[in-house]
Amino acid sequence: MDYAATFRISASGMALEKTRLEIASVNIANMNQAGRSADSVFKPLKLVAQAVPFPFASHFDHVRAGGVQMAGAVPVETAPRLVHEPGHPYANAQGMVAYPGVDHTAEMLNLNIALRAYEANVVALNAGRTMAARTLDIGGQNGA
């Protein structure tokens, strides 16, 4: 068994979830940044991921992917949140101020999902490491 491939898969998953965590944090950090107009407010970002094939995956039908990678962080077209604040410097003629359309609950859920997925990849990495170490122990006992 190729333990290095197991480690690469878990490492790519951890890197992806770290990026997902950073994107959710950026969205939350910018959710209260008013814009001069509805078009100029911060657009929430969304992580797009893609599978990365193993170099030898084309030779085997049962081998599908070798991990994941970030394909990009794309802005999500959401309607801005309009708040009635007539005294605000960015208020329009009706006294409305445009804030980004960030859904705080969804972003907190994304943070939680990213954390749990990261933890799952750490557990998988540790399981692979334990199996590799145990394999070396067994091989060493038979060869001695």
N, C-alpha and C. Protein backbone atom coordinates (compact mmCIF):
# COMPACT_ATOMS: atom_id res chain seq x y z
N MET A 1 0.85 -1.18 0.00
CA MET A 1 0.00 0.00 0.00
C MET A 1 0.89 1.24 0.00
N ASP A 2 0.50 2.23 -0.75
CA ASP A 2 1.24 3.48 -0.84
C ASP A 2 0.75 4.44 0.24
N TYR A 3 1.47 4.48 1.36
CA TYR A 3 1.05 5.34 2.46
C TYR A 3 1.26 6.81 2.14
N ALA A 4 2.21 7.10 1.27
CA ALA A 4 2.44 8.50 0.89
C ALA A 4 1.20 9.07 0.21
N ALA A 5 0.51 8.25 -0.59
CA ALA A 5 -0.72 8.71 -1.24
C ALA A 5 -1.80 9.01 -0.20
N THR A 6 -1.88 8.17 0.81
CA THR A 6 -2.85 8.39 1.90
C THR A 6 -2.55 9.71 2.60
N PHE A 7 -1.29 9.97 2.84
CA PHE A 7 -0.90 11.21 3.50
C PHE A 7 -1.19 12.43 2.62
N ARG A 8 -0.95 12.29 1.30
CA ARG A 8 -1.23 13.39 0.37
C ARG A 8 -2.72 13.72 0.33
N ILE A 9 -3.55 12.68 0.34
CA ILE A 9 -5.00 12.91 0.30
C ILE A 9 -5.45 13.66 1.54
N SER A 10 -5.00 13.22 2.72
CA SER A 10 -5.39 13.89 3.96
C SER A 10 -4.83 15.31 4.02
N ALA A 11 -3.59 15.49 3.58
CA ALA A 11 -2.99 16.82 3.60
C ALA A 11 -3.72 17.77 2.66
N SER A 12 -4.13 17.28 1.49
CA SER A 12 -4.86 18.16 0.57
C SER A 12 -6.22 18.52 1.15
N GLY A 13 -6.86 17.58 1.84
CA GLY A 13 -8.14 17.88 2.49
C GLY A 13 -7.98 18.91 3.60
N MET A 14 -6.91 18.79 4.38
CA MET A 14 -6.68 19.76 5.45
C MET A 14 -6.39 21.14 4.87
N ALA A 15 -5.62 21.21 3.79
CA ALA A 15 -5.34 22.51 3.17
C ALA A 15 -6.61 23.14 2.63
N LEU A 16 -7.47 22.32 2.02
CA LEU A 16 -8.72 22.85 1.48
C LEU A 16 -9.62 23.37 2.60
N GLU A 17 -9.74 22.63 3.68
CA GLU A 17 -10.61 23.07 4.79
C GLU A 17 -10.04 24.30 5.48
N LYS A 18 -8.72 24.43 5.53
CA LYS A 18 -8.12 25.65 6.07
C LYS A 18 -8.52 26.86 5.21
N THR A 19 -8.49 26.68 3.90
CA THR A 19 -8.89 27.75 2.99
C THR A 19 -10.37 28.07 3.15
N ARG A 20 -11.20 27.03 3.30
CA ARG A 20 -12.64 27.24 3.51
C ARG A 20 -12.88 28.05 4.78
N LEU A 21 -12.12 27.74 5.82
CA LEU A 21 -12.21 28.48 7.08
C LEU A 21 -11.81 29.94 6.90
N GLU A 22 -10.75 30.18 6.14
CA GLU A 22 -10.30 31.56 5.89
C GLU A 22 -11.33 32.35 5.08
N ILE A 23 -11.95 31.71 4.10
CA ILE A 23 -12.95 32.41 3.28
C ILE A 23 -14.17 32.76 4.12
N ALA A 24 -14.62 31.83 4.95
CA ALA A 24 -15.77 32.12 5.83
C ALA A 24 -15.42 33.25 6.79
N SER A 25 -14.19 33.28 7.28
CA SER A 25 -13.76 34.34 8.18
C SER A 25 -13.75 35.70 7.48
N VAL A 26 -13.29 35.72 6.24
CA VAL A 26 -13.29 36.97 5.46
C VAL A 26 -14.72 37.46 5.27
N ASN A 27 -15.63 36.53 4.95
CA ASN A 27 -17.03 36.92 4.75
C ASN A 27 -17.62 37.53 6.03
N ILE A 28 -17.35 36.90 7.16
CA ILE A 28 -17.88 37.40 8.44
C ILE A 28 -17.24 38.74 8.78
N ALA A 29 -15.94 38.86 8.54
CA ALA A 29 -15.24 40.11 8.87
C ALA A 29 -15.76 41.29 8.06
N ASN A 30 -16.24 41.04 6.84
CA ASN A 30 -16.69 42.12 5.97
C ASN A 30 -18.20 42.32 5.96
N MET A 31 -18.92 41.60 6.77
CA MET A 31 -20.38 41.66 6.69
C MET A 31 -20.96 43.00 7.15
N ASN A 32 -20.21 43.78 7.89
CA ASN A 32 -20.72 45.07 8.37
C ASN A 32 -20.00 46.26 7.73
N GLN A 33 -19.37 46.04 6.59
CA GLN A 33 -18.69 47.11 5.86
C GLN A 33 -19.66 47.73 4.86
N ALA A 34 -20.11 48.92 5.15
CA ALA A 34 -21.07 49.59 4.27
C ALA A 34 -20.38 50.04 2.99
N GLY A 35 -21.19 50.14 1.94
CA GLY A 35 -20.69 50.62 0.67
C GLY A 35 -21.41 51.89 0.25
N ARG A 36 -20.78 52.66 -0.62
CA ARG A 36 -21.40 53.90 -1.09
C ARG A 36 -22.66 53.62 -1.89
N SER A 37 -22.71 52.47 -2.54
CA SER A 37 -23.91 52.08 -3.29
C SER A 37 -24.07 50.57 -3.18
N ALA A 38 -25.22 50.07 -3.63
CA ALA A 38 -25.47 48.63 -3.57
C ALA A 38 -24.49 47.86 -4.44
N ASP A 39 -23.97 48.49 -5.49
CA ASP A 39 -23.03 47.82 -6.38
C ASP A 39 -21.61 47.76 -5.82
N SER A 40 -21.30 48.63 -4.89
CA SER A 40 -19.92 48.72 -4.40
C SER A 40 -19.67 47.95 -3.10
N VAL A 41 -20.68 47.26 -2.57
CA VAL A 41 -20.47 46.52 -1.32
C VAL A 41 -19.68 45.24 -1.58
N PHE A 42 -19.08 44.72 -0.53
CA PHE A 42 -18.32 43.47 -0.58
C PHE A 42 -19.23 42.34 -1.03
N LYS A 43 -18.73 41.52 -1.93
CA LYS A 43 -19.46 40.33 -2.39
C LYS A 43 -18.93 39.13 -1.60
N PRO A 44 -19.81 38.38 -0.92
CA PRO A 44 -19.35 37.20 -0.20
C PRO A 44 -18.64 36.23 -1.14
N LEU A 45 -17.66 35.53 -0.62
CA LEU A 45 -16.89 34.58 -1.42
C LEU A 45 -17.34 33.15 -1.14
N LYS A 46 -17.16 32.30 -2.13
CA LYS A 46 -17.50 30.88 -2.01
C LYS A 46 -16.32 30.08 -2.55
N LEU A 47 -15.93 29.04 -1.82
CA LEU A 47 -14.82 28.19 -2.24
C LEU A 47 -15.30 27.19 -3.28
N VAL A 48 -14.54 27.05 -4.34
CA VAL A 48 -14.81 26.04 -5.36
C VAL A 48 -13.63 25.07 -5.33
N ALA A 49 -13.94 23.78 -5.13
CA ALA A 49 -12.90 22.75 -5.03
C ALA A 49 -13.05 21.77 -6.19
N GLN A 50 -11.94 21.10 -6.48
CA GLN A 50 -11.98 20.08 -7.52
C GLN A 50 -11.11 18.91 -7.10
N ALA A 51 -11.44 17.72 -7.61
CA ALA A 51 -10.67 16.53 -7.32
C ALA A 51 -9.37 16.56 -8.11
N VAL A 52 -8.32 16.02 -7.51
CA VAL A 52 -7.03 15.93 -8.17
C VAL A 52 -6.75 14.45 -8.39
N PRO A 53 -6.59 14.02 -9.64
CA PRO A 53 -6.33 12.59 -9.89
C PRO A 53 -4.90 12.22 -9.54
N PHE A 54 -4.73 10.95 -9.19
CA PHE A 54 -3.38 10.41 -9.03
C PHE A 54 -2.72 10.39 -10.40
N PRO A 55 -1.42 10.47 -10.47
CA PRO A 55 -0.75 10.41 -11.77
C PRO A 55 -1.04 9.11 -12.52
N PHE A 56 -1.26 8.02 -11.80
CA PHE A 56 -1.50 6.73 -12.45
C PHE A 56 -2.97 6.35 -12.51
N ALA A 57 -3.88 7.28 -12.20
CA ALA A 57 -5.30 6.97 -12.11
C ALA A 57 -5.89 6.53 -13.45
N SER A 58 -5.31 6.96 -14.55
CA SER A 58 -5.86 6.58 -15.86
C SER A 58 -5.63 5.11 -16.15
N HIS A 59 -4.71 4.46 -15.45
CA HIS A 59 -4.42 3.05 -15.69
C HIS A 59 -5.34 2.11 -14.91
N PHE A 60 -6.02 2.64 -13.90
CA PHE A 60 -6.87 1.80 -13.06
C PHE A 60 -8.26 2.40 -12.97
N ASP A 61 -9.28 1.58 -13.21
CA ASP A 61 -10.65 2.07 -13.15
C ASP A 61 -11.10 2.32 -11.72
N HIS A 62 -10.57 1.58 -10.76
CA HIS A 62 -11.04 1.72 -9.38
C HIS A 62 -10.40 2.90 -8.65
N VAL A 63 -9.35 3.48 -9.19
CA VAL A 63 -8.71 4.63 -8.57
C VAL A 63 -9.27 5.89 -9.20
N ARG A 64 -9.92 6.73 -8.43
CA ARG A 64 -10.59 7.89 -8.99
C ARG A 64 -9.89 9.21 -8.70
N ALA A 65 -9.44 9.42 -7.49
CA ALA A 65 -8.89 10.74 -7.17
C ALA A 65 -7.74 10.62 -6.20
N GLY A 66 -6.91 11.63 -6.21
CA GLY A 66 -5.76 11.64 -5.33
C GLY A 66 -5.80 12.76 -4.31
N GLY A 67 -6.92 13.40 -4.16
CA GLY A 67 -7.05 14.48 -3.21
C GLY A 67 -7.94 15.57 -3.77
N VAL A 68 -7.85 16.72 -3.16
CA VAL A 68 -8.64 17.87 -3.60
C VAL A 68 -7.74 19.09 -3.65
N GLN A 69 -8.18 20.06 -4.42
CA GLN A 69 -7.48 21.33 -4.44
C GLN A 69 -8.49 22.44 -4.67
N MET A 70 -8.08 23.62 -4.31
CA MET A 70 -8.94 24.78 -4.50
C MET A 70 -8.91 25.20 -5.96
N ALA A 71 -10.09 25.26 -6.57
CA ALA A 71 -10.18 25.73 -7.95
C ALA A 71 -10.30 27.25 -7.98
N GLY A 72 -10.78 27.82 -6.89
CA GLY A 72 -10.89 29.27 -6.82
C GLY A 72 -11.87 29.70 -5.75
N ALA A 73 -11.83 30.97 -5.45
CA ALA A 73 -12.79 31.59 -4.55
C ALA A 73 -13.58 32.58 -5.40
N VAL A 74 -14.84 32.27 -5.61
CA VAL A 74 -15.65 33.11 -6.51
C VAL A 74 -16.62 33.95 -5.70
N PRO A 75 -16.85 35.19 -6.12
CA PRO A 75 -17.84 36.02 -5.42
C PRO A 75 -19.25 35.50 -5.70
N VAL A 76 -20.07 35.54 -4.68
CA VAL A 76 -21.46 35.10 -4.79
C VAL A 76 -22.32 36.34 -5.01
N GLU A 77 -23.13 36.29 -6.03
CA GLU A 77 -24.02 37.42 -6.33
C GLU A 77 -25.24 37.36 -5.41
N THR A 78 -25.20 38.12 -4.35
CA THR A 78 -26.32 38.20 -3.42
C THR A 78 -26.79 39.64 -3.34
N ALA A 79 -28.05 39.79 -3.03
CA ALA A 79 -28.60 41.14 -2.87
C ALA A 79 -28.02 41.76 -1.61
N PRO A 80 -27.65 43.02 -1.67
CA PRO A 80 -27.12 43.66 -0.46
C PRO A 80 -28.22 43.81 0.59
N ARG A 81 -27.79 43.88 1.82
CA ARG A 81 -28.70 44.09 2.94
C ARG A 81 -28.85 45.60 3.11
N LEU A 82 -30.07 46.08 2.99
CA LEU A 82 -30.32 47.52 3.12
C LEU A 82 -30.84 47.82 4.52
N VAL A 83 -30.19 48.78 5.16
CA VAL A 83 -30.54 49.14 6.54
C VAL A 83 -30.87 50.63 6.55
N HIS A 84 -31.95 50.98 7.25
CA HIS A 84 -32.36 52.38 7.34
C HIS A 84 -31.51 53.09 8.39
N GLU A 85 -30.58 53.90 7.91
CA GLU A 85 -29.68 54.69 8.77
C GLU A 85 -29.51 56.07 8.12
N PRO A 86 -30.48 56.95 8.31
CA PRO A 86 -30.43 58.24 7.61
C PRO A 86 -29.21 59.10 7.94
N GLY A 87 -28.60 58.93 9.09
CA GLY A 87 -27.45 59.75 9.47
C GLY A 87 -26.12 59.21 8.96
N HIS A 88 -26.12 58.06 8.37
CA HIS A 88 -24.87 57.44 7.89
C HIS A 88 -24.35 58.18 6.66
N PRO A 89 -23.03 58.36 6.54
CA PRO A 89 -22.50 59.09 5.38
C PRO A 89 -22.77 58.42 4.04
N TYR A 90 -23.01 57.12 4.02
CA TYR A 90 -23.28 56.40 2.77
C TYR A 90 -24.78 56.23 2.51
N ALA A 91 -25.63 56.84 3.30
CA ALA A 91 -27.07 56.69 3.12
C ALA A 91 -27.51 57.32 1.79
N ASN A 92 -28.45 56.65 1.13
CA ASN A 92 -28.97 57.21 -0.12
C ASN A 92 -30.09 58.20 0.19
N ALA A 93 -30.82 58.64 -0.80
CA ALA A 93 -31.87 59.65 -0.61
C ALA A 93 -32.98 59.17 0.31
N GLN A 94 -33.21 57.88 0.35
CA GLN A 94 -34.25 57.31 1.22
C GLN A 94 -33.71 56.98 2.62
N GLY A 95 -32.43 57.24 2.87
CA GLY A 95 -31.84 56.96 4.17
C GLY A 95 -31.39 55.52 4.33
N MET A 96 -31.27 54.77 3.23
CA MET A 96 -30.88 53.36 3.28
C MET A 96 -29.38 53.22 3.02
N VAL A 97 -28.73 52.36 3.79
CA VAL A 97 -27.32 52.07 3.64
C VAL A 97 -27.17 50.62 3.19
N ALA A 98 -26.32 50.38 2.20
CA ALA A 98 -26.11 49.03 1.66
C ALA A 98 -24.98 48.33 2.40
N TYR A 99 -25.27 47.14 2.89
CA TYR A 99 -24.29 46.27 3.53
C TYR A 99 -24.22 44.97 2.74
N PRO A 100 -23.10 44.24 2.82
CA PRO A 100 -22.99 42.99 2.08
C PRO A 100 -24.09 42.00 2.47
N GLY A 101 -24.51 41.19 1.52
CA GLY A 101 -25.54 40.18 1.77
C GLY A 101 -24.95 38.90 2.32
N VAL A 102 -24.19 39.01 3.39
CA VAL A 102 -23.57 37.85 4.02
C VAL A 102 -24.55 37.26 5.01
N ASP A 103 -24.79 35.95 4.90
CA ASP A 103 -25.66 35.24 5.83
C ASP A 103 -24.80 34.74 6.98
N HIS A 104 -24.91 35.40 8.12
CA HIS A 104 -24.06 35.08 9.27
C HIS A 104 -24.23 33.63 9.71
N THR A 105 -25.46 33.15 9.74
CA THR A 105 -25.72 31.77 10.17
C THR A 105 -25.06 30.77 9.22
N ALA A 106 -25.19 31.00 7.92
CA ALA A 106 -24.57 30.10 6.94
C ALA A 106 -23.05 30.11 7.06
N GLU A 107 -22.48 31.26 7.31
CA GLU A 107 -21.02 31.35 7.44
C GLU A 107 -20.54 30.65 8.71
N MET A 108 -21.28 30.78 9.79
CA MET A 108 -20.92 30.06 11.01
C MET A 108 -21.03 28.55 10.80
N LEU A 109 -22.02 28.13 10.04
CA LEU A 109 -22.16 26.72 9.70
C LEU A 109 -20.98 26.27 8.84
N ASN A 110 -20.56 27.09 7.88
CA ASN A 110 -19.39 26.76 7.07
C ASN A 110 -18.14 26.63 7.93
N LEU A 111 -17.99 27.50 8.91
CA LEU A 111 -16.86 27.40 9.83
C LEU A 111 -16.87 26.07 10.58
N ASN A 112 -18.05 25.69 11.06
CA ASN A 112 -18.17 24.44 11.81
C ASN A 112 -17.91 23.23 10.92
N ILE A 113 -18.44 23.24 9.70
CA ILE A 113 -18.22 22.14 8.77
C ILE A 113 -16.74 22.03 8.42
N ALA A 114 -16.08 23.16 8.17
CA ALA A 114 -14.66 23.14 7.85
C ALA A 114 -13.84 22.59 9.01
N LEU A 115 -14.19 22.96 10.21
CA LEU A 115 -13.49 22.46 11.39
C LEU A 115 -13.64 20.96 11.52
N ARG A 116 -14.86 20.45 11.36
CA ARG A 116 -15.10 19.00 11.48
C ARG A 116 -14.42 18.23 10.35
N ALA A 117 -14.44 18.76 9.14
CA ALA A 117 -13.78 18.08 8.03
C ALA A 117 -12.27 18.08 8.22
N TYR A 118 -11.72 19.16 8.75
CA TYR A 118 -10.29 19.21 9.04
C TYR A 118 -9.93 18.15 10.08
N GLU A 119 -10.75 18.07 11.13
CA GLU A 119 -10.51 17.06 12.17
C GLU A 119 -10.59 15.65 11.59
N ALA A 120 -11.54 15.39 10.69
CA ALA A 120 -11.66 14.08 10.07
C ALA A 120 -10.41 13.74 9.25
N ASN A 121 -9.86 14.72 8.56
CA ASN A 121 -8.63 14.48 7.80
C ASN A 121 -7.44 14.22 8.71
N VAL A 122 -7.40 14.88 9.85
CA VAL A 122 -6.33 14.61 10.81
C VAL A 122 -6.44 13.18 11.34
N VAL A 123 -7.66 12.74 11.63
CA VAL A 123 -7.86 11.37 12.11
C VAL A 123 -7.45 10.37 11.03
N ALA A 124 -7.81 10.62 9.78
CA ALA A 124 -7.42 9.73 8.68
C ALA A 124 -5.90 9.70 8.52
N LEU A 125 -5.27 10.86 8.63
CA LEU A 125 -3.81 10.92 8.53
C LEU A 125 -3.16 10.12 9.65
N ASN A 126 -3.65 10.28 10.86
CA ASN A 126 -3.10 9.54 12.00
C ASN A 126 -3.34 8.04 11.86
N ALA A 127 -4.50 7.63 11.32
CA ALA A 127 -4.77 6.21 11.11
C ALA A 127 -3.79 5.64 10.09
N GLY A 128 -3.54 6.38 9.01
CA GLY A 128 -2.56 5.93 8.02
C GLY A 128 -1.17 5.83 8.60
N ARG A 129 -0.81 6.78 9.42
CA ARG A 129 0.51 6.77 10.05
C ARG A 129 0.65 5.57 10.99
N THR A 130 -0.41 5.28 11.75
CA THR A 130 -0.40 4.14 12.65
C THR A 130 -0.29 2.83 11.88
N MET A 131 -1.03 2.72 10.76
CA MET A 131 -0.95 1.51 9.94
C MET A 131 0.44 1.34 9.36
N ALA A 132 1.04 2.42 8.90
CA ALA A 132 2.39 2.34 8.34
C ALA A 132 3.40 1.91 9.40
N ALA A 133 3.28 2.49 10.58
CA ALA A 133 4.19 2.13 11.68
C ALA A 133 4.00 0.67 12.10
N ARG A 134 2.75 0.25 12.16
CA ARG A 134 2.45 -1.14 12.54
C ARG A 134 2.98 -2.11 11.48
N THR A 135 2.88 -1.74 10.21
CA THR A 135 3.40 -2.57 9.14
C THR A 135 4.89 -2.73 9.26
N LEU A 136 5.59 -1.64 9.58
CA LEU A 136 7.04 -1.73 9.79
C LEU A 136 7.38 -2.59 10.99
N ASP A 137 6.58 -2.51 12.05
CA ASP A 137 6.80 -3.34 13.22
C ASP A 137 6.64 -4.82 12.88
N ILE A 138 5.59 -5.14 12.15
CA ILE A 138 5.34 -6.55 11.79
C ILE A 138 6.45 -7.05 10.88
N GLY A 139 6.83 -6.24 9.88
CA GLY A 139 7.91 -6.62 8.97
C GLY A 139 9.23 -6.80 9.69
N GLY A 140 9.49 -5.98 10.69
CA GLY A 140 10.71 -6.06 11.43
C GLY A 140 10.77 -7.29 12.30
N GLN A 141 9.64 -7.75 12.83
CA GLN A 141 9.59 -8.94 13.67
C GLN A 141 9.81 -10.21 12.85
N ASN A 142 9.29 -10.22 11.64
CA ASN A 142 9.43 -11.41 10.79
C ASN A 142 10.83 -11.52 10.23
N GLY A 143 11.49 -10.39 10.02
CA GLY A 143 12.83 -10.40 9.42
C GLY A 143 13.93 -10.65 10.43
N ALA A 144 13.65 -10.56 11.72
CA ALA A 144 14.69 -10.68 12.73
C ALA A 144 14.99 -12.09 13.12
